[in-house]
Amino acid sequence: MPTASRQPTAGSSAPRSGIARPPAVMVLSGILILQALGVLGTAAASVLVIGAGALNVGAQIFLVVLYVLAAVWIGATGVGVWAGRPWTRAAVVVIELFAVILSISFFSAGNVSTGLVFLLPAAAALLLMFTRRAAEHLAGVERRADR
């Protein structure tokens, strides 16, 4: 009895672990994981200064929780991009647009270096997101060798 192919159809939410990933997908996933680690580092640094600063302790704890949730969301999106999940397309755009907006606020405040730290990976991720191979990977389209 022949076995059916276990490859998901286009738009399926099943993981595609045996699929070769395009370089754009690998870099995009790496950018997202690094961004998640950066946000997690910000959460850890914020924990160390709870009790100091202009915000009260409750607000500082709330911000730490938001940082952790954001890091989990960004990390899950990076893993989803790696796995070829279609839902990650919108998540990547939202994450990177937030990063662009944050970079503009840093530029406006005169902190160009921090603005660039936010802007450059976001711009790279947005450009990679819209490459043909990344779009095909996230849409579940299988690449044939003859194309």
N, C-alpha and C. Protein backbone atom coordinates (compact mmCIF):
# COMPACT_ATOMS: atom_id res chain seq x y z
N MET A 1 0.85 -1.17 0.00
CA MET A 1 0.00 0.00 0.00
C MET A 1 0.90 1.24 0.00
N PRO A 2 0.75 2.13 -0.98
CA PRO A 2 1.60 3.33 -1.03
C PRO A 2 1.25 4.28 0.10
N THR A 3 2.26 4.92 0.59
CA THR A 3 2.03 5.90 1.65
C THR A 3 1.79 7.26 1.04
N ALA A 4 0.90 7.99 1.63
CA ALA A 4 0.59 9.34 1.15
C ALA A 4 1.71 10.29 1.55
N SER A 5 1.90 11.28 0.75
CA SER A 5 2.92 12.28 1.06
C SER A 5 2.51 13.04 2.31
N ARG A 6 3.44 13.28 3.17
CA ARG A 6 3.15 14.02 4.39
C ARG A 6 3.38 15.51 4.24
N GLN A 7 3.62 15.98 3.03
CA GLN A 7 3.83 17.41 2.79
C GLN A 7 2.49 18.12 2.87
N PRO A 8 2.42 19.24 3.60
CA PRO A 8 1.16 19.96 3.71
C PRO A 8 0.82 20.67 2.41
N THR A 9 -0.44 20.94 2.26
CA THR A 9 -0.89 21.70 1.09
C THR A 9 -0.68 23.18 1.34
N ALA A 10 -0.82 23.97 0.29
CA ALA A 10 -0.65 25.42 0.41
C ALA A 10 -1.63 25.97 1.43
N GLY A 11 -1.14 26.81 2.33
CA GLY A 11 -1.99 27.43 3.35
C GLY A 11 -2.17 26.56 4.58
N SER A 12 -1.62 25.36 4.60
CA SER A 12 -1.76 24.47 5.73
C SER A 12 -0.95 24.99 6.91
N SER A 13 -1.41 24.66 8.11
CA SER A 13 -0.67 25.10 9.29
C SER A 13 0.27 24.02 9.80
N ALA A 14 0.37 22.92 9.09
CA ALA A 14 1.26 21.84 9.52
C ALA A 14 2.71 22.24 9.31
N PRO A 15 3.61 21.86 10.22
CA PRO A 15 5.02 22.22 10.05
C PRO A 15 5.62 21.50 8.85
N ARG A 16 6.58 22.13 8.24
CA ARG A 16 7.25 21.57 7.07
C ARG A 16 8.72 21.39 7.40
N SER A 17 9.01 20.47 8.29
CA SER A 17 10.37 20.34 8.80
C SER A 17 11.36 19.82 7.76
N GLY A 18 10.91 19.07 6.77
CA GLY A 18 11.82 18.51 5.80
C GLY A 18 12.11 19.43 4.62
N ILE A 19 11.58 20.62 4.61
CA ILE A 19 11.73 21.54 3.50
C ILE A 19 13.02 22.35 3.66
N ALA A 20 13.75 22.50 2.57
CA ALA A 20 14.93 23.35 2.59
C ALA A 20 14.49 24.81 2.69
N ARG A 21 15.06 25.52 3.61
CA ARG A 21 14.68 26.91 3.82
C ARG A 21 15.53 27.83 2.96
N PRO A 22 14.88 28.81 2.34
CA PRO A 22 15.66 29.80 1.58
C PRO A 22 16.51 30.63 2.53
N PRO A 23 17.64 31.16 2.04
CA PRO A 23 18.50 32.00 2.89
C PRO A 23 17.74 33.20 3.47
N ALA A 24 16.83 33.78 2.71
CA ALA A 24 16.07 34.93 3.22
C ALA A 24 15.26 34.55 4.45
N VAL A 25 14.72 33.34 4.47
CA VAL A 25 13.93 32.88 5.62
C VAL A 25 14.83 32.65 6.82
N MET A 26 16.01 32.08 6.58
CA MET A 26 16.94 31.84 7.69
C MET A 26 17.40 33.16 8.32
N VAL A 27 17.72 34.15 7.48
CA VAL A 27 18.16 35.45 8.00
C VAL A 27 17.01 36.16 8.70
N LEU A 28 15.82 36.11 8.11
CA LEU A 28 14.65 36.75 8.73
C LEU A 28 14.35 36.13 10.08
N SER A 29 14.39 34.83 10.16
CA SER A 29 14.15 34.15 11.44
C SER A 29 15.23 34.54 12.46
N GLY A 30 16.48 34.62 12.01
CA GLY A 30 17.57 35.03 12.90
C GLY A 30 17.40 36.45 13.42
N ILE A 31 16.98 37.35 12.55
CA ILE A 31 16.73 38.74 12.98
C ILE A 31 15.66 38.77 14.06
N LEU A 32 14.59 38.02 13.85
CA LEU A 32 13.50 38.00 14.84
C LEU A 32 13.96 37.41 16.17
N ILE A 33 14.73 36.34 16.12
CA ILE A 33 15.22 35.74 17.36
C ILE A 33 16.15 36.71 18.09
N LEU A 34 17.02 37.39 17.36
CA LEU A 34 17.90 38.38 18.00
C LEU A 34 17.10 39.54 18.59
N GLN A 35 16.06 39.98 17.89
CA GLN A 35 15.21 41.03 18.43
C GLN A 35 14.50 40.55 19.71
N ALA A 36 14.05 39.30 19.71
CA ALA A 36 13.40 38.76 20.91
C ALA A 36 14.38 38.71 22.08
N LEU A 37 15.61 38.31 21.80
CA LEU A 37 16.63 38.28 22.86
C LEU A 37 16.94 39.69 23.36
N GLY A 38 16.94 40.66 22.45
CA GLY A 38 17.16 42.05 22.86
C GLY A 38 16.07 42.56 23.78
N VAL A 39 14.82 42.24 23.45
CA VAL A 39 13.70 42.66 24.30
C VAL A 39 13.77 41.93 25.64
N LEU A 40 14.15 40.67 25.62
CA LEU A 40 14.29 39.92 26.87
C LEU A 40 15.41 40.50 27.73
N GLY A 41 16.49 40.94 27.09
CA GLY A 41 17.56 41.62 27.82
C GLY A 41 17.09 42.92 28.44
N THR A 42 16.24 43.64 27.71
CA THR A 42 15.67 44.87 28.25
C THR A 42 14.81 44.57 29.47
N ALA A 43 14.06 43.47 29.41
CA ALA A 43 13.25 43.07 30.56
C ALA A 43 14.14 42.75 31.76
N ALA A 44 15.22 42.04 31.52
CA ALA A 44 16.14 41.70 32.62
C ALA A 44 16.77 42.95 33.21
N ALA A 45 17.17 43.89 32.35
CA ALA A 45 17.75 45.13 32.85
C ALA A 45 16.73 45.94 33.62
N SER A 46 15.48 45.89 33.20
CA SER A 46 14.42 46.63 33.90
C SER A 46 14.14 46.04 35.27
N VAL A 47 14.28 44.73 35.39
CA VAL A 47 14.09 44.09 36.70
C VAL A 47 15.13 44.59 37.68
N LEU A 48 16.35 44.81 37.20
CA LEU A 48 17.43 45.23 38.09
C LEU A 48 17.24 46.64 38.64
N VAL A 49 16.42 47.47 37.98
CA VAL A 49 16.25 48.85 38.44
C VAL A 49 14.84 49.12 38.97
N ILE A 50 14.10 48.05 39.28
CA ILE A 50 12.76 48.26 39.85
C ILE A 50 12.92 48.97 41.19
N GLY A 51 12.15 49.99 41.37
CA GLY A 51 12.21 50.80 42.58
C GLY A 51 12.91 52.12 42.37
N ALA A 52 13.65 52.24 41.30
CA ALA A 52 14.32 53.50 40.98
C ALA A 52 13.61 54.12 39.78
N GLY A 53 13.75 55.39 39.61
CA GLY A 53 13.18 56.05 38.44
C GLY A 53 11.87 56.76 38.74
N ALA A 54 11.28 57.31 37.71
CA ALA A 54 10.09 58.14 37.86
C ALA A 54 8.81 57.33 38.02
N LEU A 55 8.77 56.11 37.50
CA LEU A 55 7.56 55.28 37.60
C LEU A 55 7.48 54.59 38.94
N ASN A 56 6.24 54.34 39.38
CA ASN A 56 6.10 53.59 40.63
C ASN A 56 6.40 52.12 40.38
N VAL A 57 6.51 51.35 41.43
CA VAL A 57 6.93 49.95 41.33
C VAL A 57 5.93 49.14 40.52
N GLY A 58 4.65 49.38 40.71
CA GLY A 58 3.63 48.64 39.95
C GLY A 58 3.76 48.86 38.46
N ALA A 59 4.00 50.10 38.05
CA ALA A 59 4.16 50.40 36.63
C ALA A 59 5.44 49.77 36.08
N GLN A 60 6.49 49.74 36.89
CA GLN A 60 7.73 49.13 36.44
C GLN A 60 7.57 47.61 36.27
N ILE A 61 6.86 46.98 37.17
CA ILE A 61 6.60 45.54 37.05
C ILE A 61 5.74 45.27 35.82
N PHE A 62 4.74 46.12 35.59
CA PHE A 62 3.89 45.98 34.41
C PHE A 62 4.71 46.07 33.13
N LEU A 63 5.66 47.01 33.08
CA LEU A 63 6.51 47.13 31.90
C LEU A 63 7.38 45.90 31.69
N VAL A 64 7.88 45.32 32.77
CA VAL A 64 8.68 44.10 32.66
C VAL A 64 7.82 42.98 32.08
N VAL A 65 6.59 42.85 32.56
CA VAL A 65 5.69 41.82 32.03
C VAL A 65 5.43 42.07 30.54
N LEU A 66 5.22 43.32 30.15
CA LEU A 66 5.02 43.63 28.74
C LEU A 66 6.25 43.29 27.90
N TYR A 67 7.43 43.59 28.41
CA TYR A 67 8.66 43.24 27.71
C TYR A 67 8.76 41.73 27.50
N VAL A 68 8.47 40.97 28.54
CA VAL A 68 8.55 39.50 28.43
C VAL A 68 7.53 38.99 27.43
N LEU A 69 6.31 39.50 27.48
CA LEU A 69 5.29 39.07 26.52
C LEU A 69 5.68 39.43 25.09
N ALA A 70 6.25 40.61 24.90
CA ALA A 70 6.70 41.02 23.57
C ALA A 70 7.83 40.11 23.09
N ALA A 71 8.75 39.77 23.98
CA ALA A 71 9.86 38.89 23.60
C ALA A 71 9.34 37.51 23.21
N VAL A 72 8.37 37.00 23.94
CA VAL A 72 7.79 35.70 23.61
C VAL A 72 7.10 35.77 22.25
N TRP A 73 6.35 36.84 22.00
CA TRP A 73 5.65 37.00 20.73
C TRP A 73 6.64 37.08 19.56
N ILE A 74 7.68 37.89 19.72
CA ILE A 74 8.67 38.04 18.66
C ILE A 74 9.42 36.72 18.44
N GLY A 75 9.78 36.04 19.51
CA GLY A 75 10.46 34.76 19.39
C GLY A 75 9.58 33.70 18.74
N ALA A 76 8.30 33.66 19.12
CA ALA A 76 7.38 32.70 18.49
C ALA A 76 7.20 33.00 17.01
N THR A 77 7.23 34.27 16.66
CA THR A 77 7.13 34.65 15.25
C THR A 77 8.38 34.19 14.50
N GLY A 78 9.56 34.35 15.10
CA GLY A 78 10.78 33.88 14.47
C GLY A 78 10.78 32.38 14.25
N VAL A 79 10.31 31.63 15.24
CA VAL A 79 10.21 30.18 15.10
C VAL A 79 9.17 29.83 14.04
N GLY A 80 8.07 30.58 14.02
CA GLY A 80 7.03 30.35 13.01
C GLY A 80 7.51 30.62 11.60
N VAL A 81 8.32 31.65 11.43
CA VAL A 81 8.90 31.93 10.11
C VAL A 81 9.79 30.76 9.71
N TRP A 82 10.60 30.27 10.62
CA TRP A 82 11.48 29.14 10.34
C TRP A 82 10.66 27.92 9.89
N ALA A 83 9.53 27.70 10.56
CA ALA A 83 8.69 26.54 10.26
C ALA A 83 7.79 26.75 9.05
N GLY A 84 7.74 27.97 8.53
CA GLY A 84 6.92 28.24 7.36
C GLY A 84 5.45 28.46 7.67
N ARG A 85 5.15 28.96 8.84
CA ARG A 85 3.75 29.21 9.23
C ARG A 85 3.22 30.46 8.53
N PRO A 86 2.08 30.37 7.87
CA PRO A 86 1.54 31.53 7.14
C PRO A 86 1.16 32.71 8.03
N TRP A 87 0.76 32.46 9.28
CA TRP A 87 0.33 33.55 10.16
C TRP A 87 1.45 34.52 10.48
N THR A 88 2.68 34.10 10.27
CA THR A 88 3.81 34.96 10.65
C THR A 88 3.98 36.17 9.74
N ARG A 89 3.41 36.13 8.54
CA ARG A 89 3.57 37.25 7.61
C ARG A 89 3.07 38.55 8.23
N ALA A 90 1.87 38.54 8.75
CA ALA A 90 1.31 39.75 9.35
C ALA A 90 2.06 40.12 10.63
N ALA A 91 2.43 39.11 11.41
CA ALA A 91 3.13 39.38 12.67
C ALA A 91 4.47 40.06 12.41
N VAL A 92 5.20 39.60 11.40
CA VAL A 92 6.50 40.21 11.08
C VAL A 92 6.31 41.67 10.69
N VAL A 93 5.33 41.94 9.86
CA VAL A 93 5.10 43.33 9.43
C VAL A 93 4.78 44.21 10.63
N VAL A 94 3.93 43.75 11.53
CA VAL A 94 3.56 44.54 12.71
C VAL A 94 4.77 44.76 13.61
N ILE A 95 5.52 43.71 13.88
CA ILE A 95 6.71 43.83 14.74
C ILE A 95 7.69 44.83 14.17
N GLU A 96 7.97 44.71 12.89
CA GLU A 96 8.98 45.58 12.29
C GLU A 96 8.48 47.01 12.12
N LEU A 97 7.20 47.19 11.88
CA LEU A 97 6.68 48.57 11.83
C LEU A 97 6.76 49.24 13.20
N PHE A 98 6.53 48.48 14.26
CA PHE A 98 6.73 49.03 15.61
C PHE A 98 8.19 49.43 15.81
N ALA A 99 9.10 48.60 15.32
CA ALA A 99 10.53 48.92 15.45
C ALA A 99 10.88 50.19 14.67
N VAL A 100 10.29 50.35 13.48
CA VAL A 100 10.53 51.57 12.70
C VAL A 100 9.99 52.79 13.45
N ILE A 101 8.80 52.68 14.01
CA ILE A 101 8.21 53.79 14.77
C ILE A 101 9.09 54.14 15.97
N LEU A 102 9.59 53.12 16.68
CA LEU A 102 10.50 53.38 17.81
C LEU A 102 11.79 54.04 17.34
N SER A 103 12.30 53.62 16.20
CA SER A 103 13.53 54.23 15.70
C SER A 103 13.32 55.71 15.39
N ILE A 104 12.17 56.05 14.87
CA ILE A 104 11.88 57.46 14.57
C ILE A 104 11.88 58.29 15.85
N SER A 105 11.33 57.72 16.92
CA SER A 105 11.33 58.47 18.19
C SER A 105 12.75 58.67 18.71
N PHE A 106 13.62 57.69 18.53
CA PHE A 106 15.01 57.85 18.95
C PHE A 106 15.73 58.88 18.08
N PHE A 107 15.48 58.85 16.77
CA PHE A 107 16.07 59.86 15.88
C PHE A 107 15.61 61.26 16.28
N SER A 108 14.33 61.40 16.60
CA SER A 108 13.78 62.71 16.99
C SER A 108 14.41 63.22 18.28
N ALA A 109 14.77 62.30 19.17
CA ALA A 109 15.39 62.69 20.44
C ALA A 109 16.89 62.92 20.29
N GLY A 110 17.43 62.72 19.09
CA GLY A 110 18.85 62.95 18.86
C GLY A 110 19.73 61.75 19.14
N ASN A 111 19.13 60.60 19.42
CA ASN A 111 19.90 59.39 19.71
C ASN A 111 19.97 58.54 18.44
N VAL A 112 20.86 58.95 17.55
CA VAL A 112 20.94 58.34 16.22
C VAL A 112 21.40 56.88 16.29
N SER A 113 22.36 56.57 17.14
CA SER A 113 22.87 55.20 17.19
C SER A 113 21.79 54.21 17.62
N THR A 114 21.01 54.55 18.63
CA THR A 114 19.93 53.67 19.06
C THR A 114 18.85 53.58 17.99
N GLY A 115 18.58 54.70 17.33
CA GLY A 115 17.62 54.68 16.23
C GLY A 115 18.04 53.73 15.12
N LEU A 116 19.34 53.72 14.81
CA LEU A 116 19.84 52.81 13.78
C LEU A 116 19.76 51.35 14.22
N VAL A 117 19.97 51.10 15.51
CA VAL A 117 19.87 49.73 16.04
C VAL A 117 18.45 49.19 15.85
N PHE A 118 17.47 50.07 15.94
CA PHE A 118 16.09 49.65 15.72
C PHE A 118 15.75 49.62 14.23
N LEU A 119 16.22 50.60 13.47
CA LEU A 119 15.80 50.76 12.08
C LEU A 119 16.43 49.74 11.14
N LEU A 120 17.71 49.49 11.24
CA LEU A 120 18.39 48.63 10.27
C LEU A 120 17.89 47.19 10.26
N PRO A 121 17.76 46.53 11.42
CA PRO A 121 17.21 45.16 11.37
C PRO A 121 15.75 45.14 10.92
N ALA A 122 14.99 46.17 11.30
CA ALA A 122 13.59 46.22 10.88
C ALA A 122 13.48 46.37 9.37
N ALA A 123 14.31 47.24 8.81
CA ALA A 123 14.29 47.43 7.36
C ALA A 123 14.72 46.15 6.65
N ALA A 124 15.76 45.50 7.16
CA ALA A 124 16.22 44.25 6.54
C ALA A 124 15.13 43.18 6.62
N ALA A 125 14.48 43.07 7.77
CA ALA A 125 13.43 42.07 7.94
C ALA A 125 12.25 42.34 7.00
N LEU A 126 11.86 43.61 6.87
CA LEU A 126 10.76 43.93 5.97
C LEU A 126 11.12 43.63 4.52
N LEU A 127 12.34 43.94 4.14
CA LEU A 127 12.76 43.64 2.76
C LEU A 127 12.81 42.13 2.52
N LEU A 128 13.35 41.39 3.47
CA LEU A 128 13.42 39.93 3.33
C LEU A 128 12.03 39.30 3.32
N MET A 129 11.12 39.89 4.07
CA MET A 129 9.77 39.36 4.17
C MET A 129 9.08 39.33 2.81
N PHE A 130 9.41 40.28 1.97
CA PHE A 130 8.72 40.40 0.69
C PHE A 130 9.52 39.85 -0.49
N THR A 131 10.57 39.08 -0.19
CA THR A 131 11.25 38.40 -1.29
C THR A 131 10.38 37.24 -1.75
N ARG A 132 10.54 36.85 -2.99
CA ARG A 132 9.69 35.80 -3.56
C ARG A 132 9.86 34.48 -2.81
N ARG A 133 11.08 34.12 -2.53
CA ARG A 133 11.32 32.83 -1.86
C ARG A 133 10.74 32.79 -0.45
N ALA A 134 10.87 33.90 0.29
CA ALA A 134 10.30 33.93 1.64
C ALA A 134 8.78 33.87 1.57
N ALA A 135 8.20 34.60 0.64
CA ALA A 135 6.74 34.58 0.48
C ALA A 135 6.26 33.18 0.11
N GLU A 136 6.98 32.50 -0.78
CA GLU A 136 6.61 31.14 -1.15
C GLU A 136 6.75 30.19 0.03
N HIS A 137 7.81 30.35 0.80
CA HIS A 137 8.02 29.49 1.96
C HIS A 137 6.87 29.66 2.95
N LEU A 138 6.47 30.89 3.20
CA LEU A 138 5.42 31.14 4.18
C LEU A 138 4.03 30.82 3.63
N ALA A 139 3.90 30.74 2.31
CA ALA A 139 2.62 30.38 1.71
C ALA A 139 2.50 28.87 1.52
N GLY A 140 3.58 28.14 1.78
CA GLY A 140 3.53 26.69 1.64
C GLY A 140 3.74 26.21 0.23
N VAL A 141 4.25 27.06 -0.64
CA VAL A 141 4.49 26.66 -2.02
C VAL A 141 5.81 25.89 -2.07
N GLU A 142 5.75 24.71 -2.64
CA GLU A 142 6.96 23.87 -2.76
C GLU A 142 7.76 24.34 -3.96
N ARG A 143 9.06 24.45 -3.80
CA ARG A 143 9.94 24.83 -4.91
C ARG A 143 10.40 23.57 -5.61
N ARG A 144 10.29 23.58 -6.90
CA ARG A 144 10.78 22.46 -7.71
C ARG A 144 12.16 22.80 -8.23
N ALA A 145 12.95 21.78 -8.50
CA ALA A 145 14.31 21.99 -8.99
C ALA A 145 14.33 22.56 -10.39
N ASP A 146 13.28 22.34 -11.19
CA ASP A 146 13.30 22.81 -12.57
C ASP A 146 12.85 24.24 -12.74
N ARG A 147 12.54 24.94 -11.67
CA ARG A 147 12.11 26.34 -11.78
C ARG A 147 13.24 27.29 -11.65
